[in-house]
Protein backbone atom coordinates (compact mmCIF):
# COMPACT_ATOMS: atom_id res chain seq x y z
CA MET A 1 0.00 0.00 0.00
CA PRO A 2 1.51 3.37 -1.04
CA GLU A 3 2.10 5.93 1.70
CA LEU A 4 -0.60 8.54 2.10
CA THR A 5 0.09 11.99 0.73
CA ASP A 6 0.02 14.98 3.08
CA ALA A 7 -3.36 15.97 1.69
CA GLU A 8 -4.81 12.48 2.17
CA LEU A 9 -3.51 12.43 5.73
CA ALA A 10 -4.94 15.86 6.52
CA ASN A 11 -8.35 15.02 5.03
CA HIS A 12 -8.69 11.54 6.51
CA PRO A 13 -11.93 11.04 8.48
CA VAL A 14 -11.58 11.60 12.21
CA PRO A 15 -13.49 9.55 14.81
CA SER A 16 -16.51 11.42 16.17
CA TRP A 17 -15.19 11.11 19.74
CA LEU A 18 -12.16 13.27 18.94
CA ASP A 19 -12.62 17.05 19.07
CA LEU A 20 -11.33 18.73 15.91
CA SER A 21 -10.55 21.90 17.86
CA THR A 22 -7.97 20.14 20.05
CA GLU A 23 -5.95 18.54 17.25
CA ILE A 24 -2.21 19.27 17.51
CA LYS A 25 -1.23 20.36 14.01
CA THR A 26 2.28 21.71 14.45
CA PRO A 27 5.37 19.93 15.81
CA GLY A 28 5.72 20.64 19.51
CA GLN A 29 9.44 20.12 19.96
CA PRO A 30 11.29 23.06 21.59
CA GLU A 31 13.20 25.07 19.01
CA ALA A 32 16.62 24.68 20.65
CA TYR A 33 16.15 20.92 20.89
CA LYS A 34 14.87 20.66 17.32
CA LYS A 35 18.06 22.32 16.02
CA LEU A 36 20.44 19.81 17.63
CA GLY A 37 22.28 17.23 15.53
CA ASN A 38 21.27 13.59 15.79
CA ASN A 39 23.77 12.47 18.45
CA PRO A 40 23.43 15.58 20.67
CA LYS A 41 19.67 15.26 20.41
CA ALA A 42 19.78 11.57 21.35
CA ALA A 43 22.07 12.27 24.31
CA ARG A 44 19.83 15.06 25.58
CA PHE A 45 16.72 12.92 25.13
CA ILE A 46 18.29 10.05 27.07
CA ALA A 47 19.51 12.34 29.85
CA TYR A 48 16.13 14.08 30.10
CA CYS A 49 14.19 10.82 30.32
CA MET A 50 16.62 9.30 32.83
CA GLY A 51 16.19 12.39 35.00
CA GLN A 52 12.40 12.23 34.81
CA LEU A 53 12.36 8.57 35.75
CA LEU A 54 14.84 8.69 38.61
CA ASN A 55 14.40 12.18 40.05
CA ASN A 56 10.63 11.75 40.17
CA GLY A 57 10.84 8.30 41.74
CA LEU A 58 9.02 6.59 38.87
CA VAL A 59 11.43 3.63 38.90
CA ASP A 60 13.64 2.13 41.58
CA THR A 61 16.97 1.67 39.82
CA PRO A 62 19.06 3.08 36.95
CA GLU A 63 18.74 -0.30 35.19
CA GLN A 64 14.95 0.01 35.18
CA ALA A 65 15.28 3.57 33.91
CA PHE A 66 17.49 2.44 31.02
CA GLU A 67 14.95 -0.26 30.13
CA VAL A 68 12.15 2.29 29.85
CA VAL A 69 14.38 4.72 27.96
CA GLY A 70 15.25 1.95 25.50
CA ASN A 71 11.60 1.68 24.54
CA LEU A 72 11.18 5.44 24.28
CA ILE A 73 14.22 5.59 22.01
CA ALA A 74 12.76 2.95 19.71
CA GLU A 75 9.44 4.77 19.54
CA THR A 76 10.97 8.17 18.77
CA GLY A 77 13.96 7.26 16.59
CA TRP A 78 16.50 8.26 19.26
CA GLY A 79 14.48 11.30 20.26
CA ARG A 80 14.21 12.68 16.72
CA SER A 81 10.56 12.03 15.91
CA TRP A 82 7.80 12.86 18.39
CA ASN A 83 4.92 15.26 18.73
CA GLY A 84 2.59 16.33 21.51
CA TRP A 85 5.12 15.13 24.13
CA ASN A 86 4.11 11.59 23.19
CA PHE A 87 7.35 9.59 23.41
CA GLY A 88 5.75 6.16 23.08
CA GLY A 89 3.35 6.00 20.17
CA TRP A 90 0.44 5.95 22.64
CA LYS A 91 -2.75 5.81 20.58
CA CYS A 92 -6.11 7.40 21.31
CA VAL A 93 -9.05 5.23 22.30
CA GLU A 94 -12.66 6.30 22.64
CA ALA A 95 -12.95 5.58 26.38
CA TRP A 96 -9.88 7.71 27.14
CA ALA A 97 -11.08 10.62 25.01
CA LYS A 98 -14.52 10.66 26.61
CA ALA A 99 -13.11 10.33 30.13
CA TYR A 100 -10.66 13.18 29.47
CA LYS A 101 -13.43 15.50 28.28
CA LYS A 102 -15.67 14.61 31.22
CA LYS A 103 -12.88 15.31 33.69
CA ASN A 104 -11.43 18.46 32.08
CA GLY A 105 -14.42 19.98 30.32
CA VAL A 106 -12.53 20.18 27.01
CA GLY A 107 -11.64 17.72 24.31
CA ALA A 108 -8.51 15.62 24.68
CA PRO A 109 -5.36 16.74 22.80
CA TRP A 110 -4.45 14.49 19.88
CA PHE A 111 -2.63 14.36 16.57
CA ARG A 112 -2.69 12.22 13.46
CA ALA A 113 0.15 10.42 11.73
CA ARG A 114 0.80 7.76 9.13
CA GLY A 115 0.48 4.30 10.63
CA HIS A 116 3.09 1.54 10.46
CA VAL A 117 1.01 -0.70 8.23
CA LYS A 118 3.61 -3.49 8.17
CA SER A 119 3.32 -3.72 11.95
CA GLY A 120 -0.43 -3.98 11.80
CA ASP A 121 -1.45 -0.30 12.01
CA THR A 122 -4.16 1.29 9.92
CA PRO A 123 -2.93 3.81 7.29
CA VAL A 124 -3.77 6.71 9.65
CA VAL A 125 -3.26 6.55 13.41
CA PHE A 126 -4.53 8.98 16.03
CA TYR A 127 -2.18 9.59 18.94
CA ARG A 128 -2.61 11.15 22.38
CA GLY A 129 -1.13 14.51 23.21
CA PHE A 130 0.38 15.42 26.59
CA SER A 131 1.24 18.67 28.33
CA SER A 132 4.87 17.70 28.99
CA GLY A 133 7.38 14.90 28.75
CA SER A 134 7.12 14.32 32.48
CA GLU A 135 3.35 13.85 32.24
CA PHE A 136 3.77 11.33 29.44
CA ILE A 137 6.44 9.29 31.25
CA GLU A 138 4.51 9.19 34.52
CA GLN A 139 1.32 8.03 32.82
CA TRP A 140 3.22 5.54 30.63
CA ILE A 141 4.76 3.85 33.66
CA ALA A 142 1.41 3.56 35.44
CA LYS A 143 -0.29 2.11 32.36
CA PHE A 144 2.23 -0.21 30.74
CA VAL A 145 4.36 -1.44 33.65
CA PRO A 146 1.88 -1.27 36.53
CA VAL A 147 3.02 -2.19 40.01
CA GLU A 148 1.52 -5.48 41.12
CA GLY A 149 -1.61 -4.88 43.12
CA THR A 150 -2.61 -1.77 41.18
CA VAL A 151 -4.32 -3.73 38.38
CA ALA A 152 -6.12 -7.06 38.20
CA PRO A 153 -4.24 -10.12 36.88
CA THR A 154 -6.66 -10.15 33.95
CA GLU A 155 -5.57 -6.68 32.80
CA ARG A 156 -3.68 -6.51 29.51
CA TYR A 157 -0.38 -5.21 30.94
CA TYR A 158 -0.40 -7.08 34.25
CA LYS A 159 2.30 -9.55 33.13
CA THR A 160 4.41 -6.75 31.67
CA GLY A 161 4.39 -4.86 34.96
CA LYS A 162 5.05 -7.97 37.02
CA ALA A 163 8.08 -8.86 34.90
CA PHE A 164 9.40 -5.29 34.88
CA TRP A 165 9.43 -4.80 38.64
CA ALA A 166 10.85 -8.29 39.21
CA GLY A 167 13.72 -7.75 36.77
CA GLY A 168 12.33 -10.22 34.24
CA ASP A 169 11.91 -10.17 30.47
CA TRP A 170 9.37 -7.39 30.60
CA PHE A 171 9.92 -6.16 27.05
CA ARG A 172 8.99 -9.56 25.61
CA GLU A 173 5.82 -9.45 27.70
CA LEU A 174 5.15 -5.96 26.34
CA CYS A 175 5.42 -7.31 22.81
CA LEU A 176 3.23 -10.31 23.63
CA SER A 177 0.60 -7.96 25.02
CA GLY A 178 0.16 -6.47 21.55
CA TYR A 179 1.70 -3.10 22.43
CA LYS A 180 3.97 -3.20 19.37
CA GLY A 181 1.23 -4.39 17.01
CA ALA A 182 -0.15 -7.70 15.85
CA VAL A 183 2.89 -8.67 13.75
CA THR A 184 5.37 -8.23 16.62
CA GLN A 185 2.95 -9.90 19.03
CA LYS A 186 3.14 -13.10 16.98
CA ALA A 187 6.94 -12.98 16.50
CA PRO A 188 8.60 -10.81 19.19
CA ASP A 189 12.21 -12.06 18.98
CA LYS A 190 13.47 -9.47 16.50
CA SER A 191 12.03 -6.59 18.52
CA VAL A 192 13.41 -8.02 21.76
CA GLN A 193 16.90 -8.28 20.25
CA ALA A 194 16.67 -4.71 18.93
CA HIS A 195 15.61 -3.49 22.37
CA VAL A 196 18.63 -5.12 24.02
CA ALA A 197 20.95 -3.43 21.50
CA ILE A 198 19.28 -0.04 22.00
CA VAL A 199 19.58 -0.22 25.78
CA LYS A 200 23.26 -1.12 25.46
CA ARG A 201 23.96 1.90 23.25
CA ALA A 202 21.86 4.18 25.45
CA LYS A 203 24.03 3.25 28.42
CA VAL A 204 27.17 4.17 26.49
CA MET A 205 25.75 7.51 25.36
CA TYR A 206 24.54 8.38 28.84
CA ALA A 207 27.92 7.46 30.34
CA GLN A 208 29.71 9.64 27.77
CA TRP A 209 27.30 12.51 28.45
CA SER A 210 27.90 12.16 32.20
CA LEU A 211 31.67 12.19 31.67
CA GLY A 212 31.47 15.39 29.64
CA LEU A 213 32.42 13.68 26.38
CA THR A 214 30.87 13.77 22.93
CA ALA A 215 28.11 11.18 23.17
CA ASP A 216 28.45 9.15 19.99
CA GLY A 217 27.75 5.67 21.38
CA MET A 218 31.27 4.45 20.56
CA TRP A 219 33.09 3.42 23.75
CA GLY A 220 36.72 3.89 22.77
CA LYS A 221 40.03 4.93 24.27
CA GLN A 222 38.95 8.46 25.20
CA SER A 223 35.85 7.19 26.97
CA LYS A 224 37.81 4.56 28.89
CA GLU A 225 40.43 7.09 30.00
CA ALA A 226 37.74 9.51 31.17
CA ALA A 227 36.10 6.73 33.18
CA LYS A 228 39.41 5.76 34.81
CA GLN A 229 40.03 9.39 35.79
CA ARG A 230 36.71 9.28 37.64
CA MET A 231 37.91 6.12 39.40
CA LEU A 232 35.26 4.02 37.69
CA THR A 233 35.82 0.31 37.10
CA LEU A 234 35.82 -1.15 33.61
CA ASP A 235 34.65 -4.64 32.76
CA PRO A 236 37.73 -6.62 31.63
CA VAL A 237 35.74 -8.40 28.92
CA THR A 238 33.66 -5.59 27.36
CA GLY A 239 35.83 -2.61 28.31
CA PHE A 240 32.67 -0.76 29.31
CA LEU A 241 31.76 0.23 32.86
CA THR A 242 30.86 -2.52 35.28
CA ALA A 243 27.22 -2.54 36.36
CA GLY A 244 28.19 -1.07 39.73
CA SER A 245 30.26 1.73 38.23
CA LEU A 246 27.54 2.62 35.73
CA GLU A 247 24.98 2.82 38.53
CA GLN A 248 27.36 4.99 40.54
CA LEU A 249 27.90 7.31 37.58
CA VAL A 250 24.17 7.58 36.90
CA LEU A 251 23.28 8.35 40.51
CA ASN A 252 26.01 10.97 40.69
CA SER A 253 24.91 12.58 37.42
CA VAL A 254 21.14 12.31 37.40
CA ARG A 255 20.57 15.46 39.47
CA GLN A 256 22.32 17.40 36.70
CA THR A 257 20.08 16.09 33.94
CA PRO A 258 18.02 18.68 32.04
CA THR A 259 14.53 19.29 33.37
CA GLN A 260 13.45 20.63 30.00
CA LEU A 261 14.14 19.53 26.44
């Protein structure tokens, strides 16, 4: 199926439960952020999300924070592509839109985009809008990795949350829940492998950012020397920081992370 033209996208029918007056029509990324190059933008996005997760107590450990950030990276193309402060491709549903309007007295914010048809999306997808990145991340955590006891075992993301907080294979459970679409739900291995690789690179970029280096995701001689100067321990096999040293670096750096993109 050929990709929709801009005109076809703009004129596509909108569900009656979405308010046309609250559609987000222009990109909402801050100008200074939008002008950054790909690697600086990715590093800032990672640092911002890590700060939101850890400084606001939304997760317990840096490792959990990196896991969430890995998914946000995949959804936004390393922080390059997002609108309405929606970092996770969170779609609109009728019940949410109606509940939002009942609570707030105005229609819910939303925007339209071309769907990933190969992943099972329709040609046009309607996404939620948020007031800030912090609002999105807080609501995403509560919905998709719920703490056990906050949702019934029959709820769609119960297993995802249970695995996440127990340190299990939560991302596979997320895929099996249908979060990534019907195609990935049936065959999640490729997405799981990609997630592992993304998290690994995100750790490198965050470590480089914390050490005051150019965050390019390539852990070479300069990065290793900077880590040694900070008295951080390197893994003798990978050459990267040990888990303990990475956690130490994150906890020492997270208070300095940007509160705004």
